[in-house]
């Protein structure tokens, strides 16, 4: 469970709205990027986090 302790908790109600606007501005849906992915991208950029992915 040490992994969970190292994951940051972001409590930001408007994050999904901001991510939706980012997705619209960058036309991410036509690139195959869904809203949940846009939320992750926006949170990582906004809070200067590191993202580890296998994609």
N, C-alpha and C. Protein backbone atom coordinates (compact mmCIF):
# COMPACT_ATOMS: atom_id res chain seq x y z
N UNK A 1 0.80 -1.20 0.00
CA UNK A 1 0.00 0.00 0.00
C UNK A 1 0.85 1.27 0.00
N UNK A 2 2.15 1.14 -0.05
CA UNK A 2 3.00 2.32 -0.11
C UNK A 2 2.76 3.11 -1.39
N UNK A 3 2.38 2.41 -2.45
CA UNK A 3 2.11 3.07 -3.72
C UNK A 3 1.00 4.10 -3.57
N UNK A 4 -0.07 3.72 -2.89
CA UNK A 4 -1.22 4.61 -2.73
C UNK A 4 -0.83 5.86 -1.95
N UNK A 5 0.06 5.73 -1.00
CA UNK A 5 0.50 6.89 -0.21
C UNK A 5 1.26 7.90 -1.07
N UNK A 6 1.84 7.47 -2.17
CA UNK A 6 2.62 8.36 -3.03
C UNK A 6 1.81 9.00 -4.15
N UNK A 7 0.55 8.63 -4.28
CA UNK A 7 -0.30 9.18 -5.33
C UNK A 7 -0.97 10.45 -4.79
N UNK A 8 -0.80 11.58 -5.50
CA UNK A 8 -1.39 12.82 -5.01
C UNK A 8 -2.92 12.81 -5.12
N UNK A 9 -3.58 13.42 -4.16
CA UNK A 9 -5.03 13.55 -4.17
C UNK A 9 -5.37 14.96 -4.64
N UNK A 10 -6.15 15.05 -5.68
CA UNK A 10 -6.55 16.35 -6.21
C UNK A 10 -8.04 16.52 -5.99
N UNK A 11 -8.40 17.44 -5.12
CA UNK A 11 -9.81 17.73 -4.83
C UNK A 11 -10.15 19.08 -5.47
N UNK A 12 -10.54 19.03 -6.72
CA UNK A 12 -10.78 20.24 -7.49
C UNK A 12 -12.04 20.03 -8.33
N UNK A 13 -13.20 20.49 -7.85
CA UNK A 13 -14.47 20.22 -8.54
C UNK A 13 -14.54 20.73 -9.98
N UNK A 14 -13.87 21.82 -10.29
CA UNK A 14 -13.96 22.38 -11.64
C UNK A 14 -12.95 21.79 -12.62
N UNK A 15 -12.16 20.84 -12.16
CA UNK A 15 -11.13 20.25 -13.01
C UNK A 15 -11.73 19.61 -14.26
N UNK A 16 -12.85 18.94 -14.12
CA UNK A 16 -13.45 18.26 -15.27
C UNK A 16 -14.01 19.27 -16.27
N UNK A 17 -14.52 20.40 -15.77
CA UNK A 17 -15.01 21.46 -16.66
C UNK A 17 -13.85 22.06 -17.44
N UNK A 18 -12.76 22.37 -16.73
CA UNK A 18 -11.57 22.92 -17.38
C UNK A 18 -11.01 21.93 -18.41
N UNK A 19 -11.02 20.65 -18.07
CA UNK A 19 -10.53 19.63 -18.99
C UNK A 19 -11.42 19.53 -20.23
N UNK A 20 -12.71 19.69 -20.04
CA UNK A 20 -13.63 19.69 -21.18
C UNK A 20 -13.37 20.86 -22.11
N UNK A 21 -13.08 22.02 -21.53
CA UNK A 21 -12.75 23.19 -22.35
C UNK A 21 -11.43 22.98 -23.07
N UNK A 22 -10.45 22.39 -22.38
CA UNK A 22 -9.16 22.08 -23.01
C UNK A 22 -9.36 21.10 -24.17
N UNK A 23 -10.18 20.08 -23.93
CA UNK A 23 -10.46 19.09 -24.96
C UNK A 23 -11.10 19.74 -26.18
N UNK A 24 -12.03 20.65 -25.93
CA UNK A 24 -12.69 21.37 -27.03
C UNK A 24 -11.70 22.27 -27.77
N UNK A 25 -10.90 23.02 -27.03
CA UNK A 25 -9.93 23.94 -27.65
C UNK A 25 -8.91 23.20 -28.52
N UNK A 26 -8.45 22.05 -28.04
CA UNK A 26 -7.43 21.29 -28.76
C UNK A 26 -8.02 20.23 -29.69
N UNK A 27 -9.37 20.15 -29.72
CA UNK A 27 -10.07 19.20 -30.58
C UNK A 27 -9.60 17.76 -30.32
N UNK A 28 -9.47 17.43 -29.03
CA UNK A 28 -8.91 16.13 -28.65
C UNK A 28 -9.80 14.96 -29.04
N UNK A 29 -11.12 15.16 -29.08
CA UNK A 29 -12.02 14.06 -29.39
C UNK A 29 -11.75 13.50 -30.79
N UNK A 30 -11.35 14.37 -31.71
CA UNK A 30 -11.04 13.91 -33.07
C UNK A 30 -9.68 13.24 -33.15
N UNK A 31 -8.90 13.34 -32.09
CA UNK A 31 -7.61 12.66 -32.01
C UNK A 31 -7.73 11.33 -31.26
N UNK A 32 -8.96 11.00 -30.84
CA UNK A 32 -9.19 9.75 -30.12
C UNK A 32 -8.94 9.85 -28.63
N UNK A 33 -8.88 11.08 -28.11
CA UNK A 33 -8.64 11.30 -26.69
C UNK A 33 -9.98 11.60 -26.03
N UNK A 34 -10.39 10.74 -25.09
CA UNK A 34 -11.66 10.91 -24.41
C UNK A 34 -11.58 11.92 -23.27
N UNK A 35 -12.73 12.19 -22.66
CA UNK A 35 -12.80 13.19 -21.60
C UNK A 35 -12.00 12.78 -20.37
N UNK A 36 -12.03 11.52 -19.99
CA UNK A 36 -11.26 11.08 -18.82
C UNK A 36 -9.77 11.28 -19.07
N UNK A 37 -9.32 10.97 -20.28
CA UNK A 37 -7.91 11.20 -20.61
C UNK A 37 -7.59 12.69 -20.58
N UNK A 38 -8.51 13.53 -21.03
CA UNK A 38 -8.31 14.98 -21.00
C UNK A 38 -8.22 15.47 -19.56
N UNK A 39 -8.99 14.88 -18.66
CA UNK A 39 -8.92 15.25 -17.24
C UNK A 39 -7.54 14.90 -16.69
N UNK A 40 -7.04 13.73 -17.03
CA UNK A 40 -5.70 13.32 -16.57
C UNK A 40 -4.64 14.26 -17.13
N UNK A 41 -4.71 14.55 -18.42
CA UNK A 41 -3.74 15.45 -19.05
C UNK A 41 -3.78 16.82 -18.38
N UNK A 42 -4.97 17.35 -18.18
CA UNK A 42 -5.12 18.68 -17.59
C UNK A 42 -4.59 18.72 -16.15
N UNK A 43 -4.91 17.70 -15.37
CA UNK A 43 -4.44 17.65 -13.98
C UNK A 43 -2.92 17.57 -13.91
N UNK A 44 -2.33 16.78 -14.77
CA UNK A 44 -0.87 16.63 -14.80
C UNK A 44 -0.21 17.95 -15.17
N UNK A 45 -0.74 18.63 -16.18
CA UNK A 45 -0.16 19.90 -16.60
C UNK A 45 -0.37 21.00 -15.56
N UNK A 46 -1.57 21.08 -15.02
CA UNK A 46 -1.91 22.15 -14.08
C UNK A 46 -1.13 22.06 -12.78
N UNK A 47 -0.92 20.84 -12.29
CA UNK A 47 -0.27 20.65 -11.00
C UNK A 47 1.19 20.20 -11.13
N UNK A 48 1.70 20.22 -12.36
CA UNK A 48 3.09 19.85 -12.64
C UNK A 48 3.45 18.49 -12.02
N UNK A 49 2.60 17.50 -12.32
CA UNK A 49 2.80 16.14 -11.82
C UNK A 49 3.53 15.31 -12.86
N UNK A 50 3.98 14.15 -12.44
CA UNK A 50 4.57 13.19 -13.36
C UNK A 50 3.53 12.13 -13.69
N UNK A 51 3.50 11.70 -14.93
CA UNK A 51 2.55 10.70 -15.37
C UNK A 51 3.30 9.49 -15.89
N UNK A 52 2.94 8.34 -15.38
CA UNK A 52 3.55 7.08 -15.82
C UNK A 52 2.47 6.29 -16.53
N UNK A 53 2.72 5.94 -17.78
CA UNK A 53 1.74 5.21 -18.56
C UNK A 53 2.43 4.12 -19.38
N UNK A 54 1.68 3.12 -19.73
CA UNK A 54 2.20 2.05 -20.57
C UNK A 54 1.80 2.23 -22.02
N UNK A 55 1.08 3.30 -22.33
CA UNK A 55 0.66 3.58 -23.72
C UNK A 55 1.81 4.08 -24.54
